[in-house]
Amino acid sequence: TQQVQGRRQRERMSRFVYGSLMAPEVLIALLGREPPHVPATIRGYHRFRIKDRVYPAIHRTTATEDAGRGGQSEVAGRVLRGMSRRELAILDWFEGKADEAYILTRVDATFVTV
């Protein structure tokens, strides 16, 4: 049935977030709900401040950069789960409206057990 297939597809849709999208009040304002989430990290990336901006950015690090930091860099965040296509589009709009440099990138996240 389509409803079951749609539910299964939505369950597979997820997004790694960091920064302001980790705040429940931001997600509720954008999506009308706080999606289920799991603490996670992504390795090989570095989080940094952007001059004259209130939000952070991340970039993929090089081996030289990682060596300068004493090991492979990682960024802490969350994996939001059970997202609909519409919700993912809203997050993309939110990220892209403030910064034209936003590029959606597939990453491998490691779930953090607490």
Foldseek 3Di string as FASTA:
>chain_A
DVVVVQQVVLQPDKDWDDWPLQDQVVLCVQPVGQADKFKKKFWQKDWDPDPPDPTIDIDGHDPVVQVVVVHIDMDITMMGGSHHPVSVVSVVCVVCVVPVPDDDDDTDIDTDDD
